[in-house]
C-alpha atoms as a PDB file:
ATOM      1  CA  UNK A   1       8.738  -4.987  22.112  1.00  0.00           C
ATOM      2  CA  UNK A   2       8.639  -3.730  18.671  1.00  0.00           C
ATOM      3  CA  UNK A   3       5.522  -2.735  16.936  1.00  0.00           C
ATOM      4  CA  UNK A   4       5.848  -5.208  13.707  1.00  0.00           C
ATOM      5  CA  UNK A   5       3.833  -4.719  10.699  1.00  0.00           C
ATOM      6  CA  UNK A   6       0.402  -6.851  10.803  1.00  0.00           C
ATOM      7  CA  UNK A   7       1.293  -9.017   7.951  1.00  0.00           C
ATOM      8  CA  UNK A   8       5.170  -9.389   8.895  1.00  0.00           C
ATOM      9  CA  UNK A   9       5.084 -13.056   8.875  1.00  0.00           C
ATOM     10  CA  UNK A  10       1.237 -14.163   8.066  1.00  0.00           C
ATOM     11  CA  UNK A  11      -0.308 -16.946   6.244  1.00  0.00           C
ATOM     12  CA  UNK A  12      -4.013 -16.789   4.863  1.00  0.00           C
ATOM     13  CA  UNK A  13      -3.610 -20.658   4.302  1.00  0.00           C
ATOM     14  CA  UNK A  14      -5.037 -20.199   0.769  1.00  0.00           C
ATOM     15  CA  UNK A  15      -1.570 -20.126  -0.995  1.00  0.00           C
ATOM     16  CA  UNK A  16      -1.103 -17.039   0.054  1.00  0.00           C
ATOM     17  CA  UNK A  17       1.496 -15.341   3.053  1.00  0.00           C
ATOM     18  CA  UNK A  18       3.868 -12.989   3.908  1.00  0.00           C
ATOM     19  CA  UNK A  19       7.416 -13.195   4.588  1.00  0.00           C
ATOM     20  CA  UNK A  20       9.353  -9.706   5.959  1.00  0.00           C
ATOM     21  CA  UNK A  21       6.222  -7.865   4.782  1.00  0.00           C
ATOM     22  CA  UNK A  22       6.107  -8.955   1.227  1.00  0.00           C
ATOM     23  CA  UNK A  23       3.469 -11.423  -0.313  1.00  0.00           C
ATOM     24  CA  UNK A  24       4.235 -14.265  -1.842  1.00  0.00           C
ATOM     25  CA  UNK A  25       2.003 -17.241  -3.251  1.00  0.00           C
ATOM     26  CA  UNK A  26       2.279 -20.425  -4.911  1.00  0.00           C
ATOM     27  CA  UNK A  27      -0.698 -19.655  -7.373  1.00  0.00           C
ATOM     28  CA  UNK A  28       1.598 -17.716  -9.938  1.00  0.00           C
ATOM     29  CA  UNK A  29       4.367 -15.476 -10.380  1.00  0.00           C
ATOM     30  CA  UNK A  30       4.294 -11.571  -9.837  1.00  0.00           C
ATOM     31  CA  UNK A  31       4.384  -9.214 -12.566  1.00  0.00           C
ATOM     32  CA  UNK A  32       3.415  -6.164 -10.542  1.00  0.00           C
ATOM     33  CA  UNK A  33       4.737  -4.775  -7.214  1.00  0.00           C
ATOM     34  CA  UNK A  34       3.116  -2.388  -5.127  1.00  0.00           C
ATOM     35  CA  UNK A  35       5.569  -0.978  -2.206  1.00  0.00           C
ATOM     36  CA  UNK A  36       3.819   1.354   0.434  1.00  0.00           C
ATOM     37  CA  UNK A  37       5.053   2.299   4.091  1.00  0.00           C
ATOM     38  CA  UNK A  38       3.457   1.038   6.959  1.00  0.00           C
ATOM     39  CA  UNK A  39       0.315  -1.247   8.510  1.00  0.00           C
ATOM     40  CA  UNK A  40       1.066  -1.596  12.126  1.00  0.00           C
ATOM     41  CA  UNK A  41      -0.494  -4.281  14.116  1.00  0.00           C
ATOM     42  CA  UNK A  42      -1.488  -2.461  16.641  1.00  0.00           C
ATOM     43  CA  UNK A  43      -4.654  -2.944  19.781  1.00  0.00           C
ATOM     44  CA  UNK A  44      -7.749  -0.853  18.903  1.00  0.00           C
ATOM     45  CA  UNK A  45      -7.951   0.623  15.264  1.00  0.00           C
ATOM     46  CA  UNK A  46      -6.476  -1.054  12.736  1.00  0.00           C
ATOM     47  CA  UNK A  47      -8.944  -3.412  11.066  1.00  0.00           C
ATOM     48  CA  UNK A  48      -7.000  -4.008   7.915  1.00  0.00           C
ATOM     49  CA  UNK A  49      -7.269  -7.862   6.759  1.00  0.00           C
ATOM     50  CA  UNK A  50      -4.607  -7.448   3.972  1.00  0.00           C
ATOM     51  CA  UNK A  51      -2.480  -4.918   2.253  1.00  0.00           C
ATOM     52  CA  UNK A  52      -4.585  -1.785   1.375  1.00  0.00           C
ATOM     53  CA  UNK A  53      -7.562  -3.520   2.488  1.00  0.00           C
ATOM     54  CA  UNK A  54      -9.228  -0.339   4.374  1.00  0.00           C
ATOM     55  CA  UNK A  55      -8.702   2.125   1.854  1.00  0.00           C
ATOM     56  CA  UNK A  56      -9.658   2.464  -2.047  1.00  0.00           C
ATOM     57  CA  UNK A  57      -7.480   0.284  -3.396  1.00  0.00           C
ATOM     58  CA  UNK A  58      -9.792  -2.856  -3.902  1.00  0.00           C
ATOM     59  CA  UNK A  59     -12.707  -0.835  -4.447  1.00  0.00           C
ATOM     60  CA  UNK A  60     -10.675   0.613  -7.232  1.00  0.00           C
ATOM     61  CA  UNK A  61      -9.502  -2.141  -8.605  1.00  0.00           C
ATOM     62  CA  UNK A  62     -13.097  -4.024  -8.712  1.00  0.00           C
ATOM     63  CA  UNK A  63     -14.638  -0.800 -10.550  1.00  0.00           C
ATOM     64  CA  UNK A  64     -11.939  -1.247 -13.018  1.00  0.00           C
ATOM     65  CA  UNK A  65     -12.637  -4.770 -13.685  1.00  0.00           C
ATOM     66  CA  UNK A  66     -16.441  -4.075 -13.673  1.00  0.00           C
ATOM     67  CA  UNK A  67     -15.845  -0.973 -15.978  1.00  0.00           C
ATOM     68  CA  UNK A  68     -17.554   1.502 -13.570  1.00  0.00           C
ATOM     69  CA  UNK A  69     -17.568   3.385 -10.452  1.00  0.00           C
ATOM     70  CA  UNK A  70     -20.537   0.836  -8.984  1.00  0.00           C
ATOM     71  CA  UNK A  71     -18.213   1.621  -5.516  1.00  0.00           C
ATOM     72  CA  UNK A  72     -17.892   4.750  -4.230  1.00  0.00           C
ATOM     73  CA  UNK A  73     -16.703   4.743  -0.768  1.00  0.00           C
ATOM     74  CA  UNK A  74     -13.544   3.063   0.860  1.00  0.00           C
ATOM     75  CA  UNK A  75     -13.480  -0.153   1.442  1.00  0.00           C
ATOM     76  CA  UNK A  76     -14.069   0.483   5.222  1.00  0.00           C
ATOM     77  CA  UNK A  77     -14.745   3.320   7.197  1.00  0.00           C
ATOM     78  CA  UNK A  78     -12.000   5.363   8.104  1.00  0.00           C
ATOM     79  CA  UNK A  79     -13.209   4.882  11.765  1.00  0.00           C
ATOM     80  CA  UNK A  80     -14.749   2.388  13.812  1.00  0.00           C
ATOM     81  CA  UNK A  81     -15.365  -1.456  13.220  1.00  0.00           C
ATOM     82  CA  UNK A  82     -16.041  -2.346   9.648  1.00  0.00           C
ATOM     83  CA  UNK A  83     -19.333  -4.098   8.414  1.00  0.00           C
ATOM     84  CA  UNK A  84     -19.027  -8.236   8.632  1.00  0.00           C
ATOM     85  CA  UNK A  85     -19.525  -8.119   4.837  1.00  0.00           C
ATOM     86  CA  UNK A  86     -17.087  -5.950   2.655  1.00  0.00           C
ATOM     87  CA  UNK A  87     -16.808  -5.069  -0.502  1.00  0.00           C
ATOM     88  CA  UNK A  88     -15.105  -6.414  -2.364  1.00  0.00           C
ATOM     89  CA  UNK A  89     -15.074  -9.435   0.034  1.00  0.00           C
ATOM     90  CA  UNK A  90     -11.180 -11.056   1.039  1.00  0.00           C
ATOM     91  CA  UNK A  91     -11.714 -14.032  -1.125  1.00  0.00           C
ATOM     92  CA  UNK A  92     -12.375 -10.907  -4.080  1.00  0.00           C
ATOM     93  CA  UNK A  93      -9.285  -9.493  -3.347  1.00  0.00           C
ATOM     94  CA  UNK A  94      -7.373 -12.827  -3.436  1.00  0.00           C
ATOM     95  CA  UNK A  95      -8.958 -13.260  -6.960  1.00  0.00           C
ATOM     96  CA  UNK A  96      -7.636  -9.772  -8.087  1.00  0.00           C
ATOM     97  CA  UNK A  97      -4.419 -10.283  -6.923  1.00  0.00           C
ATOM     98  CA  UNK A  98      -3.925 -13.970  -9.276  1.00  0.00           C
ATOM     99  CA  UNK A  99      -5.982 -12.001 -12.379  1.00  0.00           C
ATOM    100  CA  UNK A 100      -3.307  -8.860 -11.971  1.00  0.00           C
ATOM    101  CA  UNK A 101      -0.751 -10.895 -10.979  1.00  0.00           C
ATOM    102  CA  UNK A 102       0.138  -8.572  -7.882  1.00  0.00           C
ATOM    103  CA  UNK A 103       2.320  -8.795  -5.054  1.00  0.00           C
ATOM    104  CA  UNK A 104       2.835  -6.130  -2.586  1.00  0.00           C
ATOM    105  CA  UNK A 105       5.492  -5.116   0.319  1.00  0.00           C
ATOM    106  CA  UNK A 106       5.818  -2.401   2.992  1.00  0.00           C
ATOM    107  CA  UNK A 107       9.035  -0.301   3.657  1.00  0.00           C
ATOM    108  CA  UNK A 108       8.551  -0.277   7.155  1.00  0.00           C
ATOM    109  CA  UNK A 109       8.330  -4.002   9.027  1.00  0.00           C
ATOM    110  CA  UNK A 110       8.477  -2.577  12.469  1.00  0.00           C
ATOM    111  CA  UNK A 111       8.617   0.786  14.427  1.00  0.00           C
ATOM    112  CA  UNK A 112       9.053   1.379  18.246  1.00  0.00           C
ATOM    113  CA  UNK A 113      11.653  -0.641  18.088  1.00  0.00           C
ATOM    114  CA  UNK A 114      13.430  -0.425  21.991  1.00  0.00           C
ATOM    115  CA  UNK A 115      10.272   0.187  25.019  1.00  0.00           C
ATOM    116  CA  UNK A 116       9.374  -2.617  27.181  1.00  0.00           C
ATOM    117  CA  UNK A 117       5.698  -1.316  26.883  1.00  0.00           C
ATOM    118  CA  UNK A 118       3.781   1.000  24.847  1.00  0.00           C
ATOM    119  CA  UNK A 119       0.584   2.467  25.744  1.00  0.00           C
ATOM    120  CA  UNK A 120      -1.454   3.265  22.968  1.00  0.00           C
ATOM    121  CA  UNK A 121      -4.015   5.648  22.985  1.00  0.00           C
ATOM    122  CA  UNK A 122      -7.222   5.099  21.840  1.00  0.00           C
ATOM    123  CA  UNK A 123      -6.865   5.698  18.265  1.00  0.00           C
ATOM    124  CA  UNK A 124      -3.769   3.659  18.099  1.00  0.00           C
ATOM    125  CA  UNK A 125      -1.639   6.899  18.346  1.00  0.00           C
ATOM    126  CA  UNK A 126       1.498   7.016  20.816  1.00  0.00           C
ATOM    127  CA  UNK A 127       3.020   9.684  23.081  1.00  0.00           C
ATOM    128  CA  UNK A 128       6.780   9.862  23.367  1.00  0.00           C
ATOM    129  CA  UNK A 129       8.470  12.152  25.161  1.00  0.00           C
ATOM    130  CA  UNK A 130       5.246  14.509  25.088  1.00  0.00           C
ATOM    131  CA  UNK A 131       5.247  14.574  21.545  1.00  0.00           C
ATOM    132  CA  UNK A 132       2.289  12.388  19.499  1.00  0.00           C
ATOM    133  CA  UNK A 133       2.733  10.308  16.915  1.00  0.00           C
ATOM    134  CA  UNK A 134       0.787   7.968  14.539  1.00  0.00           C
ATOM    135  CA  UNK A 135       1.818   4.851  13.015  1.00  0.00           C
ATOM    136  CA  UNK A 136       0.271   5.150   9.641  1.00  0.00           C
ATOM    137  CA  UNK A 137       0.903   8.483   8.519  1.00  0.00           C
ATOM    138  CA  UNK A 138       3.756   9.322   6.475  1.00  0.00           C
ATOM    139  CA  UNK A 139       4.404  12.717   7.973  1.00  0.00           C
ATOM    140  CA  UNK A 140       3.073  15.492  10.100  1.00  0.00           C
ATOM    141  CA  UNK A 141      -0.556  15.461   9.869  1.00  0.00           C
ATOM    142  CA  UNK A 142      -2.329  18.378  12.056  1.00  0.00           C
ATOM    143  CA  UNK A 143       0.679  18.651  14.109  1.00  0.00           C
ATOM    144  CA  UNK A 144       0.668  14.731  15.104  1.00  0.00           C
ATOM    145  CA  UNK A 145       3.807  13.389  13.967  1.00  0.00           C
ATOM    146  CA  UNK A 146       4.358  10.185  11.936  1.00  0.00           C
ATOM    147  CA  UNK A 147       6.685   7.528  10.170  1.00  0.00           C
ATOM    148  CA  UNK A 148       9.275  10.153   8.903  1.00  0.00           C
ATOM    149  CA  UNK A 149       9.518  11.693  12.428  1.00  0.00           C
ATOM    150  CA  UNK A 150       9.580   8.045  14.254  1.00  0.00           C
ATOM    151  CA  UNK A 151      12.658   7.575  12.005  1.00  0.00           C
ATOM    152  CA  UNK A 152      14.248  10.676  12.792  1.00  0.00           C
ATOM    153  CA  UNK A 153      14.844   9.516  16.160  1.00  0.00           C
ATOM    154  CA  UNK A 154      15.694   5.927  15.342  1.00  0.00           C
ATOM    155  CA  UNK A 155      12.246   4.262  15.586  1.00  0.00           C
ATOM    156  CA  UNK A 156      11.791   2.338  12.159  1.00  0.00           C
ATOM    157  CA  UNK A 157      13.194  -0.994  11.050  1.00  0.00           C
ATOM    158  CA  UNK A 158      13.491  -0.538   7.315  1.00  0.00           C
ATOM    159  CA  UNK A 159      12.066  -3.241   4.705  1.00  0.00           C
ATOM    160  CA  UNK A 160      14.534  -1.962   1.761  1.00  0.00           C
ATOM    161  CA  UNK A 161      17.113  -5.208   1.599  1.00  0.00           C
ATOM    162  CA  UNK A 162      14.005  -7.641   1.981  1.00  0.00           C
ATOM    163  CA  UNK A 163      12.253  -5.920  -1.167  1.00  0.00           C
ATOM    164  CA  UNK A 164      15.185  -5.707  -2.924  1.00  0.00           C
ATOM    165  CA  UNK A 165      15.936  -9.249  -2.727  1.00  0.00           C
ATOM    166  CA  UNK A 166      12.234 -10.093  -3.194  1.00  0.00           C
ATOM    167  CA  UNK A 167      12.458  -8.135  -6.875  1.00  0.00           C
ATOM    168  CA  UNK A 168      16.053  -9.736  -7.725  1.00  0.00           C
ATOM    169  CA  UNK A 169      14.482 -13.204  -7.189  1.00  0.00           C
ATOM    170  CA  UNK A 170      11.322 -12.827  -9.681  1.00  0.00           C
ATOM    171  CA  UNK A 171      12.407 -11.745 -12.788  1.00  0.00           C
ATOM    172  CA  UNK A 172       8.950 -12.150 -13.898  1.00  0.00           C
ATOM    173  CA  UNK A 173       8.118  -8.449 -12.302  1.00  0.00           C
ATOM    174  CA  UNK A 174       7.634  -5.602 -14.650  1.00  0.00           C
ATOM    175  CA  UNK A 175       6.547  -2.893 -12.559  1.00  0.00           C
ATOM    176  CA  UNK A 176       6.854  -1.808  -9.445  1.00  0.00           C
ATOM    177  CA  UNK A 177       4.631   0.984  -8.215  1.00  0.00           C
ATOM    178  CA  UNK A 178       5.382   3.253  -4.906  1.00  0.00           C
ATOM    179  CA  UNK A 179       1.893   3.983  -3.664  1.00  0.00           C
ATOM    180  CA  UNK A 180       3.193   8.061  -2.633  1.00  0.00           C
ATOM    181  CA  UNK A 181       5.199  10.452  -3.573  1.00  0.00           C
ATOM    182  CA  UNK A 182       8.718   9.706  -3.635  1.00  0.00           C
ATOM    183  CA  UNK A 183      10.112  12.737  -1.101  1.00  0.00           C
ATOM    184  CA  UNK A 184      11.846  13.142   1.729  1.00  0.00           C
ATOM    185  CA  UNK A 185      13.189   9.119   3.296  1.00  0.00           C
ATOM    186  CA  UNK A 186      10.621   7.904   1.055  1.00  0.00           C
ATOM    187  CA  UNK A 187      12.610   8.526  -2.171  1.00  0.00           C
ATOM    188  CA  UNK A 188      15.677   7.861  -0.786  1.00  0.00           C
ATOM    189  CA  UNK A 189      14.750   4.467  -0.246  1.00  0.00           C
ATOM    190  CA  UNK A 190      12.631   4.241  -3.215  1.00  0.00           C
ATOM    191  CA  UNK A 191      15.791   5.367  -5.371  1.00  0.00           C
ATOM    192  CA  UNK A 192      17.870   2.919  -3.204  1.00  0.00           C
ATOM    193  CA  UNK A 193      15.405   0.275  -4.498  1.00  0.00           C
ATOM    194  CA  UNK A 194      15.963   1.120  -8.314  1.00  0.00           C
ATOM    195  CA  UNK A 195      19.396   1.517  -7.994  1.00  0.00           C
ATOM    196  CA  UNK A 196      19.865  -1.823  -6.502  1.00  0.00           C
ATOM    197  CA  UNK A 197      17.755  -3.701  -8.481  1.00  0.00           C
ATOM    198  CA  UNK A 198      19.417  -5.750 -11.158  1.00  0.00           C
ATOM    199  CA  UNK A 199      16.915  -6.323 -13.607  1.00  0.00           C
ATOM    200  CA  UNK A 200      16.698  -3.259 -15.537  1.00  0.00           C
ATOM    201  CA  UNK A 201      14.052  -3.651 -17.931  1.00  0.00           C
ATOM    202  CA  UNK A 202      11.408  -3.285 -15.063  1.00  0.00           C
ATOM    203  CA  UNK A 203       9.423   0.230 -15.185  1.00  0.00           C
ATOM    204  CA  UNK A 204       9.345   2.014 -11.756  1.00  0.00           C
ATOM    205  CA  UNK A 205       7.171   4.493 -10.775  1.00  0.00           C
ATOM    206  CA  UNK A 206       4.134   6.363  -8.452  1.00  0.00           C
ATOM    207  CA  UNK A 207       1.092   6.720  -8.430  1.00  0.00           C
ATOM    208  CA  UNK A 208      -1.373   8.589  -5.781  1.00  0.00           C
ATOM    209  CA  UNK A 209      -1.805   7.158  -2.760  1.00  0.00           C
ATOM    210  CA  UNK A 210      -4.625   4.717  -2.250  1.00  0.00           C
ATOM    211  CA  UNK A 211      -6.266   6.543   0.845  1.00  0.00           C
ATOM    212  CA  UNK A 212      -7.166   9.214  -1.694  1.00  0.00           C
ATOM    213  CA  UNK A 213      -6.284  12.310   0.520  1.00  0.00           C
ATOM    214  CA  UNK A 214      -5.039  15.478  -0.516  1.00  0.00           C
ATOM    215  CA  UNK A 215      -5.458  17.058  -3.505  1.00  0.00           C
ATOM    216  CA  UNK A 216      -6.635  16.426  -6.779  1.00  0.00           C
ATOM    217  CA  UNK A 217      -8.099  13.449  -5.327  1.00  0.00           C
ATOM    218  CA  UNK A 218      -9.620  14.823  -2.457  1.00  0.00           C
ATOM    219  CA  UNK A 219     -11.404  10.998  -1.032  1.00  0.00           C
ATOM    220  CA  UNK A 220     -12.937  10.700  -4.350  1.00  0.00           C
ATOM    221  CA  UNK A 221     -13.023   6.899  -6.218  1.00  0.00           C
ATOM    222  CA  UNK A 222     -13.536   8.709  -9.629  1.00  0.00           C
ATOM    223  CA  UNK A 223     -10.774  11.206  -9.383  1.00  0.00           C
ATOM    224  CA  UNK A 224      -8.431   8.583  -7.836  1.00  0.00           C
ATOM    225  CA  UNK A 225      -9.118   6.243 -11.132  1.00  0.00           C
ATOM    226  CA  UNK A 226      -8.484   8.961 -13.036  1.00  0.00           C
ATOM    227  CA  UNK A 227      -5.238  10.221 -11.744  1.00  0.00           C
ATOM    228  CA  UNK A 228      -4.146   6.491 -12.047  1.00  0.00           C
ATOM    229  CA  UNK A 229      -4.878   6.038 -15.254  1.00  0.00           C
ATOM    230  CA  UNK A 230      -4.612   9.455 -17.223  1.00  0.00           C
ATOM    231  CA  UNK A 231      -2.585  11.658 -14.550  1.00  0.00           C
ATOM    232  CA  UNK A 232      -0.414  14.286 -16.665  1.00  0.00           C
ATOM    233  CA  UNK A 233       1.423  15.547 -13.465  1.00  0.00           C
ATOM    234  CA  UNK A 234       5.001  15.053 -13.619  1.00  0.00           C
ATOM    235  CA  UNK A 235       5.416  14.176 -10.005  1.00  0.00           C
ATOM    236  CA  UNK A 236       3.232  11.003 -10.334  1.00  0.00           C
ATOM    237  CA  UNK A 237       2.998   7.831 -12.588  1.00  0.00           C
ATOM    238  CA  UNK A 238       0.114   6.071 -14.307  1.00  0.00           C
ATOM    239  CA  UNK A 239      -0.894   2.215 -14.070  1.00  0.00           C
ATOM    240  CA  UNK A 240       0.782   0.818 -17.250  1.00  0.00           C
ATOM    241  CA  UNK A 241      -2.631   0.320 -19.554  1.00  0.00           C
ATOM    242  CA  UNK A 242      -1.212  -2.498 -21.623  1.00  0.00           C
ATOM    243  CA  UNK A 243      -0.970  -4.642 -18.113  1.00  0.00           C
ATOM    244  CA  UNK A 244      -4.571  -3.640 -16.759  1.00  0.00           C
ATOM    245  CA  UNK A 245      -6.201  -4.324 -20.291  1.00  0.00           C
ATOM    246  CA  UNK A 246      -4.349  -7.551 -20.748  1.00  0.00           C
ATOM    247  CA  UNK A 247      -5.260  -8.633 -16.909  1.00  0.00           C
ATOM    248  CA  UNK A 248      -8.959  -7.652 -17.567  1.00  0.00           C
ATOM    249  CA  UNK A 249      -9.441  -3.783 -16.528  1.00  0.00           C
ATOM    250  CA  UNK A 250     -12.334  -2.360 -19.171  1.00  0.00           C
ATOM    251  CA  UNK A 251      -9.920   0.916 -18.651  1.00  0.00           C
ATOM    252  CA  UNK A 252     -11.521   2.215 -21.932  1.00  0.00           C
ATOM    253  CA  UNK A 253     -15.038   2.717 -20.596  1.00  0.00           C
ATOM    254  CA  UNK A 254     -13.558   5.185 -18.032  1.00  0.00           C
ATOM    255  CA  UNK A 255     -13.131   7.659 -20.773  1.00  0.00           C
ATOM    256  CA  UNK A 256     -16.966   8.160 -20.880  1.00  0.00           C
ATOM    257  CA  UNK A 257     -16.926   7.802 -17.180  1.00  0.00           C
ATOM    258  CA  UNK A 258     -15.008  10.614 -16.083  1.00  0.00           C
END
């Protein structure tokens, strides 16, 4: 059995659900789509309750609405079971989705496609042919292989066609952001989405990963928000200021706080 995306086909029973690892809702028409890589349904270490539920994404957006840096850490600890009360709560996340008219999709719908049994390590990594793989990391990190290497050996099911259909079926979408640098196989798939989108008025861009890992963010919510708002590195884009402000983000406050 393959390892499916944790929210491949999921219903929160509050007007939000997923089909093919794409968020859908009857509460609003989406204006912005964030595209990530993978969020696997693994048995030990993935406590995510929503897209980007563990990292800085939702703490960042709550700070943007509040106009400050009151929340400094990731929403969930990097290791171990999270506390029962999260900041923001899952209900606040749904409110932010509606406030900013956001939707989400991931490029990988399934991994480890043809195995009768998968033996997970305690950290949810797996060993294939004496090589250790992490099912969340995009590539090799500290000698452990990731999704790009799983793709090379035919162990990834791509969600590209479903994402293209979703974008083409929703003419309300104005901005599409890839939440990583579009290089390697990720760049190939992102460019495929761009090239097969029928709405030529959509702005496609990429932003620094909400995990906050790597330079220049280096696990800082302050630097991550600065990068999202004011980055001038040509390898990344920025979040559209008009969309943010029209949705209630207090971005002018960050000129004085950064």
